[in-house]
Amino acid sequence: MRARTIGVRDAKAQLSRLLRDVQRGREWVITDHGKPAARLVPAPAKRLSLEERLRRLEEMGLVEAPRGNARDLPPPFPLKNGLAQRWLQEGREAR
């Protein structure tokens, strides 16, 4: 079944109908100003294992499987107190 597309305004007005469709297995892509913004998909029937969730994220192209061995990585380098947190905060504020 191919996903259907709907604008955010129409999705808000028809949310109950969309949820019924999704419960039957249909997927919806919700757009904002004509650009895909979200996917409305059926919830998994069971709790997925970590391996299954990672596999799905790989299929979606959101993560990559690790290459090589973690022991081959260089050791982490020390940062001054709070520097990593400051970088994270700056990155979040830049969005």
Protein backbone atom coordinates (compact mmCIF):
# COMPACT_ATOMS: atom_id res chain seq x y z
CA MET A 1 0.00 0.00 0.00
CA ARG A 2 1.51 3.31 -1.07
CA ALA A 3 1.57 6.26 1.31
CA ARG A 4 -0.84 9.09 0.64
CA THR A 5 0.05 12.75 1.09
CA ILE A 6 -1.91 15.40 2.98
CA GLY A 7 -1.15 18.98 4.04
CA VAL A 8 -0.80 19.81 7.71
CA ARG A 9 -3.96 21.95 7.81
CA ASP A 10 -6.08 19.18 6.27
CA ALA A 11 -4.40 16.58 8.49
CA LYS A 12 -5.41 18.53 11.61
CA ALA A 13 -9.00 18.77 10.38
CA GLN A 14 -9.17 15.06 9.47
CA LEU A 15 -7.01 13.49 12.17
CA SER A 16 -9.64 10.95 13.30
CA ARG A 17 -10.06 9.67 9.73
CA LEU A 18 -6.30 9.53 9.23
CA LEU A 19 -5.88 7.50 12.42
CA ARG A 20 -8.51 5.01 11.26
CA ASP A 21 -6.66 4.67 7.94
CA VAL A 22 -3.35 4.16 9.74
CA GLN A 23 -4.87 1.51 12.01
CA ARG A 24 -5.84 -0.34 8.83
CA GLY A 25 -2.24 -0.23 7.63
CA ARG A 26 -2.14 2.86 5.40
CA GLU A 27 0.74 5.32 5.71
CA TRP A 28 0.32 9.08 5.38
CA VAL A 29 2.96 11.71 4.60
CA ILE A 30 2.10 15.06 6.15
CA THR A 31 3.46 18.05 4.26
CA ASP A 32 4.18 21.60 5.36
CA HIS A 33 4.12 24.09 2.49
CA GLY A 34 4.32 21.18 0.04
CA LYS A 35 7.41 19.59 1.61
CA PRO A 36 7.25 16.28 3.51
CA ALA A 37 7.43 16.99 7.24
CA ALA A 38 6.25 13.77 8.93
CA ARG A 39 5.05 10.24 8.35
CA LEU A 40 2.01 8.82 10.09
CA VAL A 41 2.51 5.05 10.24
CA PRO A 42 0.95 2.17 12.18
CA ALA A 43 2.43 1.56 15.61
CA PRO A 44 4.24 -1.76 15.91
CA ALA A 45 2.07 -4.49 17.39
CA LYS A 46 4.84 -5.61 19.71
CA ARG A 47 7.82 -4.02 21.37
CA LEU A 48 10.77 -4.29 19.01
CA SER A 49 14.18 -5.44 20.13
CA LEU A 50 17.09 -3.01 19.98
CA GLU A 51 18.50 -4.94 17.02
CA GLU A 52 15.21 -4.65 15.11
CA ARG A 53 14.91 -0.93 15.84
CA LEU A 54 18.49 -0.36 14.66
CA ARG A 55 17.85 -2.39 11.50
CA ARG A 56 14.80 -0.24 10.70
CA LEU A 57 16.79 2.96 11.27
CA GLU A 58 19.46 1.61 8.90
CA GLU A 59 16.80 0.86 6.26
CA MET A 60 15.51 4.42 6.59
CA GLY A 61 19.04 5.75 6.12
CA LEU A 62 19.08 7.45 9.51
CA VAL A 63 22.00 5.46 10.93
CA GLU A 64 24.83 3.40 9.50
CA ALA A 65 25.94 0.00 10.72
CA PRO A 66 29.27 0.11 12.51
CA ARG A 67 32.32 -0.81 10.48
CA GLY A 68 35.27 -2.53 12.02
CA ASN A 69 35.83 -3.17 15.68
CA ALA A 70 35.24 -0.68 18.49
CA ARG A 71 38.63 -1.63 19.90
CA ASP A 72 40.20 -0.07 16.80
CA LEU A 73 38.92 3.37 17.77
CA PRO A 74 41.31 5.81 19.36
CA PRO A 75 40.73 6.54 23.04
CA PRO A 76 38.57 9.58 23.79
CA PHE A 77 40.49 12.77 24.38
CA PRO A 78 39.85 14.79 27.53
CA LEU A 79 37.92 18.05 27.29
CA LYS A 80 37.93 20.95 29.70
CA ASN A 81 35.11 21.00 32.22
CA GLY A 82 31.77 21.63 30.52
CA LEU A 83 33.20 22.11 27.02
CA ALA A 84 31.26 19.22 25.46
CA GLN A 85 28.03 20.44 27.03
CA ARG A 86 28.67 23.98 25.75
CA TRP A 87 29.23 22.64 22.20
CA LEU A 88 26.00 20.64 22.38
CA GLN A 89 24.08 23.69 23.58
CA GLU A 90 25.55 25.88 20.82
CA GLY A 91 24.56 23.28 18.25
CA ARG A 92 21.01 23.16 19.55
CA GLU A 93 20.69 26.94 19.57
CA ALA A 94 21.94 27.16 15.98
CA ARG A 95 18.94 25.16 14.71
